[in-house]
Amino acid sequence: MTFASHMDIALEEARAAAARGEVPVGAVIVSPSGAVVARAGNRTRELNDPTAHAEILAIRAACAAAGSERLADHDLYVTLEPCPMCAAAISFARIRRLYFAASDPKSGGVAHGARVFAHPQCHHRPEIYDGIHARAAEALLRDFFAERRG
């Protein structure tokens, strides 16, 4: 099986989130066969739910589709480095690989900040790949926040 990035789909979800007035973050979960089983964008404002990050929503949908709380052998593509909450959920779901686009020095929980997967209490550590379409994700975030600052 050859590697195929699904980050373009995650970027579509991030653009849709921005159009809804949400922070533009999108996520996609892919099955072992390479099929997209869940996709989501941030909906924290729409749902009045601080946990409604793209990753959490995608994990919930993928688990429902799988009929399991575990997503072993599934991969997650997300446009921004996951926060500590999302990193913990990724570990709990047993996601096989995490691909993220833009780094998040301010609120990240993987390569920055809490570095959830580095803790001895972390029971599962996915393989991590970063920087895939980072420029596109960074531009989307930069433009979104610049527009709001006016």
C-alpha atoms as a PDB file:
ATOM      1  CA  MET A   1       0.000   0.000   0.000  1.00  0.00           C
ATOM      2  CA  THR A   2       1.394   3.418  -0.910  1.00  0.00           C
ATOM      3  CA  PHE A   3       1.129   6.463   1.312  1.00  0.00           C
ATOM      4  CA  ALA A   4      -1.606   8.926   0.424  1.00  0.00           C
ATOM      5  CA  SER A   5      -2.183  12.103   2.383  1.00  0.00           C
ATOM      6  CA  HIS A   6      -5.719  12.961   3.331  1.00  0.00           C
ATOM      7  CA  MET A   7      -4.689  16.406   4.569  1.00  0.00           C
ATOM      8  CA  ASP A   8      -6.511  18.034   1.640  1.00  0.00           C
ATOM      9  CA  ILE A   9      -9.793  16.742   3.082  1.00  0.00           C
ATOM     10  CA  ALA A  10      -8.825  18.016   6.537  1.00  0.00           C
ATOM     11  CA  LEU A  11      -8.124  21.428   4.977  1.00  0.00           C
ATOM     12  CA  GLU A  12     -11.604  21.368   3.375  1.00  0.00           C
ATOM     13  CA  GLU A  13     -13.069  20.772   6.833  1.00  0.00           C
ATOM     14  CA  ALA A  14     -10.965  23.614   8.258  1.00  0.00           C
ATOM     15  CA  ARG A  15     -12.219  26.000   5.555  1.00  0.00           C
ATOM     16  CA  ALA A  16     -15.804  24.966   6.300  1.00  0.00           C
ATOM     17  CA  ALA A  17     -15.195  25.619  10.015  1.00  0.00           C
ATOM     18  CA  ALA A  18     -13.880  29.100   9.205  1.00  0.00           C
ATOM     19  CA  ALA A  19     -16.966  29.788   7.090  1.00  0.00           C
ATOM     20  CA  ARG A  20     -19.076  28.956  10.176  1.00  0.00           C
ATOM     21  CA  GLY A  21     -17.024  31.391  12.279  1.00  0.00           C
ATOM     22  CA  GLU A  22     -15.115  28.614  14.023  1.00  0.00           C
ATOM     23  CA  VAL A  23     -11.334  28.442  14.411  1.00  0.00           C
ATOM     24  CA  PRO A  24     -10.313  26.757  11.143  1.00  0.00           C
ATOM     25  CA  VAL A  25      -9.209  23.294  12.179  1.00  0.00           C
ATOM     26  CA  GLY A  26     -10.227  20.151  10.309  1.00  0.00           C
ATOM     27  CA  ALA A  27      -9.665  16.462  10.960  1.00  0.00           C
ATOM     28  CA  VAL A  28     -10.052  13.214   9.030  1.00  0.00           C
ATOM     29  CA  ILE A  29      -9.852   9.616  10.261  1.00  0.00           C
ATOM     30  CA  VAL A  30      -8.835   6.940   7.793  1.00  0.00           C
ATOM     31  CA  SER A  31      -9.361   3.176   8.153  1.00  0.00           C
ATOM     32  CA  PRO A  32      -6.624   0.594   7.576  1.00  0.00           C
ATOM     33  CA  SER A  33      -7.909   0.204   3.999  1.00  0.00           C
ATOM     34  CA  GLY A  34      -7.415   3.927   3.357  1.00  0.00           C
ATOM     35  CA  ALA A  35     -11.115   4.810   3.412  1.00  0.00           C
ATOM     36  CA  VAL A  36     -12.207   8.020   5.110  1.00  0.00           C
ATOM     37  CA  VAL A  37     -14.448   6.932   7.999  1.00  0.00           C
ATOM     38  CA  ALA A  38     -14.939  10.323   9.668  1.00  0.00           C
ATOM     39  CA  ARG A  39     -14.285  13.977   8.988  1.00  0.00           C
ATOM     40  CA  ALA A  40     -15.038  17.053  11.025  1.00  0.00           C
ATOM     41  CA  GLY A  41     -14.206  20.679  11.634  1.00  0.00           C
ATOM     42  CA  ASN A  42     -14.274  22.650  14.847  1.00  0.00           C
ATOM     43  CA  ARG A  43     -17.800  23.311  16.197  1.00  0.00           C
ATOM     44  CA  THR A  44     -17.124  24.682  19.693  1.00  0.00           C
ATOM     45  CA  ARG A  45     -19.173  27.856  19.157  1.00  0.00           C
ATOM     46  CA  GLU A  46     -21.945  26.246  17.162  1.00  0.00           C
ATOM     47  CA  LEU A  47     -22.473  23.511  19.757  1.00  0.00           C
ATOM     48  CA  ASN A  48     -21.571  25.643  22.813  1.00  0.00           C
ATOM     49  CA  ASP A  49     -19.172  22.848  23.681  1.00  0.00           C
ATOM     50  CA  PRO A  50     -15.506  23.498  24.531  1.00  0.00           C
ATOM     51  CA  THR A  51     -14.712  19.859  23.705  1.00  0.00           C
ATOM     52  CA  ALA A  52     -16.097  20.055  20.151  1.00  0.00           C
ATOM     53  CA  HIS A  53     -12.659  20.229  18.550  1.00  0.00           C
ATOM     54  CA  ALA A  54     -12.308  18.707  15.076  1.00  0.00           C
ATOM     55  CA  GLU A  55     -10.299  15.756  16.395  1.00  0.00           C
ATOM     56  CA  ILE A  56     -12.800  14.914  19.140  1.00  0.00           C
ATOM     57  CA  LEU A  57     -15.759  15.098  16.751  1.00  0.00           C
ATOM     58  CA  ALA A  58     -13.966  12.908  14.200  1.00  0.00           C
ATOM     59  CA  ILE A  59     -12.966  10.364  16.865  1.00  0.00           C
ATOM     60  CA  ARG A  60     -16.555  10.201  18.150  1.00  0.00           C
ATOM     61  CA  ALA A  61     -17.921   9.627  14.642  1.00  0.00           C
ATOM     62  CA  ALA A  62     -15.276   7.032  13.759  1.00  0.00           C
ATOM     63  CA  CYS A  63     -15.846   5.128  17.019  1.00  0.00           C
ATOM     64  CA  ALA A  64     -19.597   5.136  16.417  1.00  0.00           C
ATOM     65  CA  ALA A  65     -19.053   3.809  12.891  1.00  0.00           C
ATOM     66  CA  ALA A  66     -16.656   1.128  14.162  1.00  0.00           C
ATOM     67  CA  GLY A  67     -18.848   0.185  17.106  1.00  0.00           C
ATOM     68  CA  SER A  68     -15.806   0.439  19.370  1.00  0.00           C
ATOM     69  CA  GLU A  69     -14.027   2.944  21.589  1.00  0.00           C
ATOM     70  CA  ARG A  70     -10.752   1.893  19.977  1.00  0.00           C
ATOM     71  CA  LEU A  71      -9.505   2.838  16.536  1.00  0.00           C
ATOM     72  CA  ALA A  72      -6.414   0.650  16.317  1.00  0.00           C
ATOM     73  CA  ASP A  73      -4.849   0.780  12.852  1.00  0.00           C
ATOM     74  CA  HIS A  74      -6.680   4.030  12.012  1.00  0.00           C
ATOM     75  CA  ASP A  75      -4.855   7.223  11.077  1.00  0.00           C
ATOM     76  CA  LEU A  76      -5.795  10.802  11.948  1.00  0.00           C
ATOM     77  CA  TYR A  77      -5.012  13.815   9.800  1.00  0.00           C
ATOM     78  CA  VAL A  78      -5.500  17.225  11.407  1.00  0.00           C
ATOM     79  CA  THR A  79      -4.616  20.713  10.225  1.00  0.00           C
ATOM     80  CA  LEU A  80      -3.211  21.909  13.564  1.00  0.00           C
ATOM     81  CA  GLU A  81      -1.116  20.218  16.238  1.00  0.00           C
ATOM     82  CA  PRO A  82      -3.601  18.703  18.693  1.00  0.00           C
ATOM     83  CA  CYS A  83      -4.109  20.368  22.065  1.00  0.00           C
ATOM     84  CA  PRO A  84      -3.535  18.318  25.248  1.00  0.00           C
ATOM     85  CA  MET A  85      -7.231  17.306  25.426  1.00  0.00           C
ATOM     86  CA  CYS A  86      -7.214  16.019  21.861  1.00  0.00           C
ATOM     87  CA  ALA A  87      -3.829  14.330  22.274  1.00  0.00           C
ATOM     88  CA  ALA A  88      -5.193  12.416  25.272  1.00  0.00           C
ATOM     89  CA  ALA A  89      -8.274  11.376  23.270  1.00  0.00           C
ATOM     90  CA  ILE A  90      -6.017  10.228  20.413  1.00  0.00           C
ATOM     91  CA  SER A  91      -4.109   8.055  22.890  1.00  0.00           C
ATOM     92  CA  PHE A  92      -7.291   6.663  24.473  1.00  0.00           C
ATOM     93  CA  ALA A  93      -8.679   5.810  21.013  1.00  0.00           C
ATOM     94  CA  ARG A  94      -5.408   4.044  20.152  1.00  0.00           C
ATOM     95  CA  ILE A  95      -4.989   5.949  16.860  1.00  0.00           C
ATOM     96  CA  ARG A  96      -2.113   4.337  14.927  1.00  0.00           C
ATOM     97  CA  ARG A  97      -0.672   7.416  13.202  1.00  0.00           C
ATOM     98  CA  LEU A  98      -1.139  11.132  13.718  1.00  0.00           C
ATOM     99  CA  TYR A  99      -0.422  13.487  10.835  1.00  0.00           C
ATOM    100  CA  PHE A 100      -0.670  17.206  11.540  1.00  0.00           C
ATOM    101  CA  ALA A 101      -0.031  20.245   9.386  1.00  0.00           C
ATOM    102  CA  ALA A 102       0.747  23.371  11.418  1.00  0.00           C
ATOM    103  CA  SER A 103       2.570  23.378  14.737  1.00  0.00           C
ATOM    104  CA  ASP A 104       0.914  25.134  17.668  1.00  0.00           C
ATOM    105  CA  PRO A 105       3.564  26.554  20.024  1.00  0.00           C
ATOM    106  CA  LYS A 106       0.872  28.354  22.059  1.00  0.00           C
ATOM    107  CA  SER A 107      -1.669  25.568  22.678  1.00  0.00           C
ATOM    108  CA  GLY A 108      -0.218  22.364  21.253  1.00  0.00           C
ATOM    109  CA  GLY A 109      -0.031  19.204  23.289  1.00  0.00           C
ATOM    110  CA  VAL A 110       2.139  16.969  21.091  1.00  0.00           C
ATOM    111  CA  ALA A 111       5.370  18.727  20.101  1.00  0.00           C
ATOM    112  CA  HIS A 112       4.799  21.711  22.403  1.00  0.00           C
ATOM    113  CA  GLY A 113       3.334  22.387  25.816  1.00  0.00           C
ATOM    114  CA  ALA A 114       2.128  19.297  27.658  1.00  0.00           C
ATOM    115  CA  ARG A 115       3.698  16.832  25.184  1.00  0.00           C
ATOM    116  CA  VAL A 116       1.104  14.260  26.193  1.00  0.00           C
ATOM    117  CA  PHE A 117       2.664  11.317  24.368  1.00  0.00           C
ATOM    118  CA  ALA A 118       5.998  11.808  26.165  1.00  0.00           C
ATOM    119  CA  HIS A 119       4.521  11.193  29.627  1.00  0.00           C
ATOM    120  CA  PRO A 120       5.069   7.802  31.271  1.00  0.00           C
ATOM    121  CA  GLN A 121       1.330   7.743  32.094  1.00  0.00           C
ATOM    122  CA  CYS A 122       0.482   7.753  28.388  1.00  0.00           C
ATOM    123  CA  HIS A 123      -0.603   4.207  27.523  1.00  0.00           C
ATOM    124  CA  HIS A 124      -0.495   4.575  23.736  1.00  0.00           C
ATOM    125  CA  ARG A 125       1.735   6.696  21.542  1.00  0.00           C
ATOM    126  CA  PRO A 126       0.844   7.046  17.870  1.00  0.00           C
ATOM    127  CA  GLU A 127       3.465   7.467  15.196  1.00  0.00           C
ATOM    128  CA  ILE A 128       3.639  11.216  14.560  1.00  0.00           C
ATOM    129  CA  TYR A 129       4.266  13.020  11.276  1.00  0.00           C
ATOM    130  CA  ASP A 130       4.104  16.795  11.098  1.00  0.00           C
ATOM    131  CA  GLY A 131       4.387  19.571   8.555  1.00  0.00           C
ATOM    132  CA  ILE A 132       2.131  18.056   5.860  1.00  0.00           C
ATOM    133  CA  HIS A 133       0.584  21.068   4.074  1.00  0.00           C
ATOM    134  CA  ALA A 134       1.756  23.244   6.972  1.00  0.00           C
ATOM    135  CA  ARG A 135       1.892  26.434   4.882  1.00  0.00           C
ATOM    136  CA  ALA A 136      -1.714  26.080   3.755  1.00  0.00           C
ATOM    137  CA  ALA A 137      -2.936  25.410   7.299  1.00  0.00           C
ATOM    138  CA  GLU A 138      -0.877  28.273   8.727  1.00  0.00           C
ATOM    139  CA  ALA A 139      -2.215  30.683   6.081  1.00  0.00           C
ATOM    140  CA  LEU A 140      -5.790  29.656   6.834  1.00  0.00           C
ATOM    141  CA  LEU A 141      -5.301  30.300  10.556  1.00  0.00           C
ATOM    142  CA  ARG A 142      -3.391  33.557  10.012  1.00  0.00           C
ATOM    143  CA  ASP A 143      -6.049  34.936   7.646  1.00  0.00           C
ATOM    144  CA  PHE A 144      -8.879  33.882   9.967  1.00  0.00           C
ATOM    145  CA  PHE A 145      -7.426  35.691  12.981  1.00  0.00           C
ATOM    146  CA  ALA A 146      -6.284  38.738  10.964  1.00  0.00           C
ATOM    147  CA  GLU A 147      -9.857  39.170   9.698  1.00  0.00           C
ATOM    148  CA  ARG A 148     -11.175  39.090  13.265  1.00  0.00           C
ATOM    149  CA  ARG A 149      -8.633  41.615  14.525  1.00  0.00           C
ATOM    150  CA  GLY A 150      -9.749  43.856  11.648  1.00  0.00           C
END
